[in-house]
């Protein structure tokens, strides 16, 4: 019985190695292959972020490892979200 289980696992592994790549390649049409080829990749825009830095100590946080700083962190987040990049 143990030998049968090992054979079943081996057969299942071989089937997965053969069928999955074929299914993946079969799922693309020739037009999709042309559209998304390495020579025709879409452009990528670089994201733009503010350079602002907020120190949560300025909003009342205490760096002692014991104090719950939830309110001061929320104040810093609110202040940060009020600033909008033009």
N, C-alpha and C. Protein backbone atom coordinates (compact mmCIF):
# COMPACT_ATOMS: atom_id res chain seq x y z
N UNK A 1 0.83 -1.20 0.00
CA UNK A 1 0.00 0.00 0.00
C UNK A 1 0.87 1.25 0.00
N UNK A 2 1.97 1.24 0.74
CA UNK A 2 2.87 2.38 0.78
C UNK A 2 3.49 2.61 -0.59
N UNK A 3 3.82 1.53 -1.29
CA UNK A 3 4.41 1.64 -2.62
C UNK A 3 3.40 2.26 -3.59
N UNK A 4 2.13 1.88 -3.48
CA UNK A 4 1.10 2.45 -4.35
C UNK A 4 0.95 3.94 -4.10
N UNK A 5 1.01 4.35 -2.83
CA UNK A 5 0.88 5.77 -2.50
C UNK A 5 2.04 6.56 -3.07
N UNK A 6 3.25 6.00 -3.01
CA UNK A 6 4.42 6.67 -3.57
C UNK A 6 4.30 6.79 -5.08
N UNK A 7 3.81 5.70 -5.74
CA UNK A 7 3.62 5.74 -7.18
C UNK A 7 2.58 6.79 -7.56
N UNK A 8 1.50 6.88 -6.79
CA UNK A 8 0.47 7.88 -7.08
C UNK A 8 1.02 9.30 -6.95
N UNK A 9 1.87 9.53 -5.95
CA UNK A 9 2.47 10.86 -5.77
C UNK A 9 3.40 11.19 -6.93
N UNK A 10 4.16 10.20 -7.35
CA UNK A 10 5.09 10.41 -8.47
C UNK A 10 4.31 10.71 -9.74
N UNK A 11 3.27 9.93 -10.01
CA UNK A 11 2.45 10.14 -11.21
C UNK A 11 1.78 11.51 -11.14
N UNK A 12 1.27 11.88 -9.99
CA UNK A 12 0.63 13.19 -9.84
C UNK A 12 1.62 14.31 -10.08
N UNK A 13 2.83 14.16 -9.58
CA UNK A 13 3.86 15.18 -9.79
C UNK A 13 4.24 15.32 -11.25
N UNK A 14 4.37 14.20 -11.93
CA UNK A 14 4.71 14.23 -13.36
C UNK A 14 3.59 14.88 -14.15
N UNK A 15 2.35 14.54 -13.84
CA UNK A 15 1.21 15.13 -14.54
C UNK A 15 1.17 16.65 -14.33
N UNK A 16 1.45 17.09 -13.12
CA UNK A 16 1.44 18.53 -12.84
C UNK A 16 2.54 19.23 -13.62
N UNK A 17 3.73 18.62 -13.69
CA UNK A 17 4.84 19.24 -14.41
C UNK A 17 4.57 19.32 -15.91
N UNK A 18 3.81 18.38 -16.44
CA UNK A 18 3.52 18.36 -17.87
C UNK A 18 2.31 19.23 -18.20
N UNK A 19 1.26 19.13 -17.42
CA UNK A 19 0.00 19.79 -17.75
C UNK A 19 -0.01 21.29 -17.45
N UNK A 20 0.59 21.72 -16.36
CA UNK A 20 0.51 23.13 -16.00
C UNK A 20 1.18 24.04 -17.02
N UNK A 21 2.40 23.76 -17.45
CA UNK A 21 2.99 24.65 -18.47
C UNK A 21 2.21 24.64 -19.78
N UNK A 22 1.70 23.49 -20.18
CA UNK A 22 0.92 23.41 -21.41
C UNK A 22 -0.36 24.23 -21.28
N UNK A 23 -1.03 24.15 -20.14
CA UNK A 23 -2.25 24.91 -19.92
C UNK A 23 -1.96 26.40 -19.91
N UNK A 24 -0.83 26.81 -19.34
CA UNK A 24 -0.47 28.22 -19.30
C UNK A 24 -0.21 28.75 -20.70
N UNK A 25 0.56 28.01 -21.48
CA UNK A 25 0.88 28.47 -22.83
C UNK A 25 -0.34 28.43 -23.74
N UNK A 26 -1.18 27.47 -23.54
CA UNK A 26 -2.38 27.35 -24.36
C UNK A 26 -3.36 28.49 -24.10
N UNK A 27 -3.32 29.08 -22.89
CA UNK A 27 -4.26 30.14 -22.52
C UNK A 27 -4.02 31.46 -23.23
N UNK A 28 -2.87 31.65 -23.88
CA UNK A 28 -2.57 32.90 -24.57
C UNK A 28 -2.80 32.74 -26.06
N UNK A 29 -3.48 33.72 -26.62
CA UNK A 29 -3.65 33.72 -28.07
C UNK A 29 -2.40 34.31 -28.70
N UNK A 30 -2.26 34.12 -30.00
CA UNK A 30 -1.07 34.67 -30.68
C UNK A 30 -1.07 36.19 -30.63
N UNK A 31 -2.26 36.82 -30.65
CA UNK A 31 -2.35 38.28 -30.57
C UNK A 31 -1.86 38.76 -29.21
N UNK A 32 -2.24 38.04 -28.12
CA UNK A 32 -1.77 38.40 -26.78
C UNK A 32 -0.26 38.23 -26.67
N UNK A 33 0.28 37.20 -27.30
CA UNK A 33 1.72 36.99 -27.26
C UNK A 33 2.45 38.15 -27.93
N UNK A 34 1.89 38.68 -29.02
CA UNK A 34 2.49 39.83 -29.70
C UNK A 34 2.35 41.08 -28.85
N UNK A 35 1.18 41.29 -28.26
CA UNK A 35 0.91 42.49 -27.49
C UNK A 35 1.78 42.56 -26.25
N UNK A 36 1.99 41.46 -25.58
CA UNK A 36 2.73 41.44 -24.33
C UNK A 36 4.09 40.75 -24.49
N UNK A 37 4.78 41.02 -25.57
CA UNK A 37 6.09 40.43 -25.77
C UNK A 37 7.14 41.26 -25.04
N UNK A 38 8.35 40.71 -24.91
CA UNK A 38 9.43 41.42 -24.23
C UNK A 38 9.81 42.68 -24.98
N UNK A 39 9.64 42.69 -26.27
CA UNK A 39 10.00 43.87 -27.05
C UNK A 39 8.91 44.94 -27.03
N UNK A 40 7.75 44.61 -26.47
CA UNK A 40 6.62 45.55 -26.46
C UNK A 40 6.01 45.63 -25.07
N UNK A 41 6.81 46.00 -24.08
CA UNK A 41 6.31 46.10 -22.71
C UNK A 41 5.68 47.47 -22.48
N UNK A 42 4.65 47.55 -21.65
CA UNK A 42 4.05 48.85 -21.35
C UNK A 42 4.98 49.70 -20.50
N UNK A 43 4.85 51.02 -20.62
CA UNK A 43 5.65 51.94 -19.81
C UNK A 43 5.16 51.96 -18.37
N UNK A 44 6.04 52.33 -17.48
CA UNK A 44 5.70 52.37 -16.06
C UNK A 44 5.97 53.79 -15.55
N UNK A 45 4.97 54.38 -14.90
CA UNK A 45 5.15 55.70 -14.31
C UNK A 45 5.76 55.57 -12.93
N UNK A 46 6.74 56.41 -12.63
CA UNK A 46 7.34 56.44 -11.31
C UNK A 46 6.39 57.15 -10.35
N UNK A 47 6.11 56.58 -9.19
CA UNK A 47 5.24 57.26 -8.23
C UNK A 47 5.96 58.46 -7.63
N UNK A 48 5.18 59.46 -7.24
CA UNK A 48 5.73 60.66 -6.63
C UNK A 48 5.22 60.75 -5.21
N UNK A 49 6.13 60.90 -4.25
CA UNK A 49 5.77 60.99 -2.84
C UNK A 49 6.26 62.31 -2.27
N UNK A 50 5.52 62.81 -1.29
CA UNK A 50 5.98 63.99 -0.55
C UNK A 50 7.26 63.66 0.19
N UNK A 51 8.08 64.65 0.38
CA UNK A 51 9.31 64.44 1.14
C UNK A 51 9.13 64.86 2.60
N UNK A 52 7.89 65.09 3.02
CA UNK A 52 7.62 65.48 4.40
C UNK A 52 7.90 64.32 5.35
N UNK A 53 8.42 64.66 6.50
CA UNK A 53 8.65 63.68 7.55
C UNK A 53 7.98 64.18 8.82
N UNK A 54 7.25 63.31 9.48
CA UNK A 54 6.55 63.69 10.70
C UNK A 54 7.12 62.90 11.86
N UNK A 55 7.53 63.61 12.88
CA UNK A 55 8.06 62.98 14.09
C UNK A 55 6.90 62.88 15.08
N UNK A 56 6.51 61.66 15.45
CA UNK A 56 5.34 61.50 16.31
C UNK A 56 5.58 62.03 17.72
N UNK A 57 6.83 62.26 18.09
CA UNK A 57 7.11 62.87 19.40
C UNK A 57 6.57 64.29 19.43
N UNK A 58 6.60 64.96 18.28
CA UNK A 58 6.05 66.31 18.19
C UNK A 58 4.54 66.33 18.37
N UNK A 59 3.90 65.17 18.25
CA UNK A 59 2.45 65.07 18.43
C UNK A 59 2.08 64.48 19.78
N UNK A 60 3.06 64.34 20.67
CA UNK A 60 2.79 63.90 22.03
C UNK A 60 3.17 62.47 22.35
N UNK A 61 3.82 61.77 21.44
CA UNK A 61 4.24 60.40 21.73
C UNK A 61 5.37 60.38 22.75
N UNK A 62 5.38 59.33 23.53
CA UNK A 62 6.43 59.13 24.53
C UNK A 62 7.18 57.86 24.16
N UNK A 63 8.50 57.97 23.98
CA UNK A 63 9.31 56.84 23.54
C UNK A 63 9.86 56.05 24.72
N UNK A 64 8.96 55.50 25.54
CA UNK A 64 9.43 54.74 26.70
C UNK A 64 9.11 53.26 26.61
N UNK A 65 8.42 52.85 25.57
CA UNK A 65 8.08 51.44 25.41
C UNK A 65 6.91 50.98 26.28
N UNK A 66 6.36 51.89 27.06
CA UNK A 66 5.23 51.54 27.95
C UNK A 66 3.97 52.32 27.61
N UNK A 67 4.15 53.55 27.16
CA UNK A 67 3.03 54.45 26.91
C UNK A 67 2.32 54.08 25.62
N UNK A 68 0.99 54.09 25.67
CA UNK A 68 0.19 53.84 24.48
C UNK A 68 0.12 55.14 23.68
N UNK A 69 0.67 55.15 22.49
CA UNK A 69 0.80 56.36 21.68
C UNK A 69 -0.21 56.44 20.54
N UNK A 70 -1.32 55.74 20.66
CA UNK A 70 -2.30 55.67 19.59
C UNK A 70 -2.81 57.05 19.19
N UNK A 71 -3.18 57.87 20.16
CA UNK A 71 -3.75 59.19 19.84
C UNK A 71 -2.74 60.09 19.14
N UNK A 72 -1.50 60.10 19.60
CA UNK A 72 -0.50 60.95 18.95
C UNK A 72 -0.16 60.45 17.54
N UNK A 73 -0.16 59.15 17.35
CA UNK A 73 0.07 58.61 16.00
C UNK A 73 -1.09 58.98 15.09
N UNK A 74 -2.31 58.89 15.59
CA UNK A 74 -3.48 59.28 14.80
C UNK A 74 -3.45 60.76 14.45
N UNK A 75 -2.98 61.61 15.37
CA UNK A 75 -2.84 63.04 15.07
C UNK A 75 -1.82 63.25 13.96
N UNK A 76 -0.71 62.55 14.01
CA UNK A 76 0.32 62.67 12.97
C UNK A 76 -0.23 62.21 11.61
N UNK A 77 -0.97 61.13 11.61
CA UNK A 77 -1.57 60.63 10.37
C UNK A 77 -2.57 61.64 9.82
N UNK A 78 -3.40 62.22 10.67
CA UNK A 78 -4.37 63.22 10.22
C UNK A 78 -3.68 64.44 9.64
N UNK A 79 -2.62 64.89 10.30
CA UNK A 79 -1.87 66.04 9.78
C UNK A 79 -1.23 65.72 8.44
N UNK A 80 -0.70 64.53 8.34
CA UNK A 80 -0.06 64.10 7.09
C UNK A 80 -1.09 64.03 5.96
N UNK A 81 -2.26 63.50 6.23
CA UNK A 81 -3.27 63.32 5.18
C UNK A 81 -3.89 64.64 4.75
N UNK A 82 -3.78 65.69 5.59
CA UNK A 82 -4.31 67.01 5.22
C UNK A 82 -3.43 67.67 4.18
N UNK A 83 -2.15 67.31 4.15
CA UNK A 83 -1.24 67.88 3.15
C UNK A 83 -1.43 67.13 1.84
N UNK A 84 -1.68 67.90 0.77
CA UNK A 84 -1.95 67.29 -0.53
C UNK A 84 -0.87 67.73 -1.52
N UNK A 85 -0.39 66.77 -2.32
CA UNK A 85 0.59 67.10 -3.34
C UNK A 85 -0.13 67.73 -4.52
N UNK A 86 0.34 68.88 -4.95
CA UNK A 86 -0.29 69.56 -6.08
C UNK A 86 0.28 69.09 -7.39
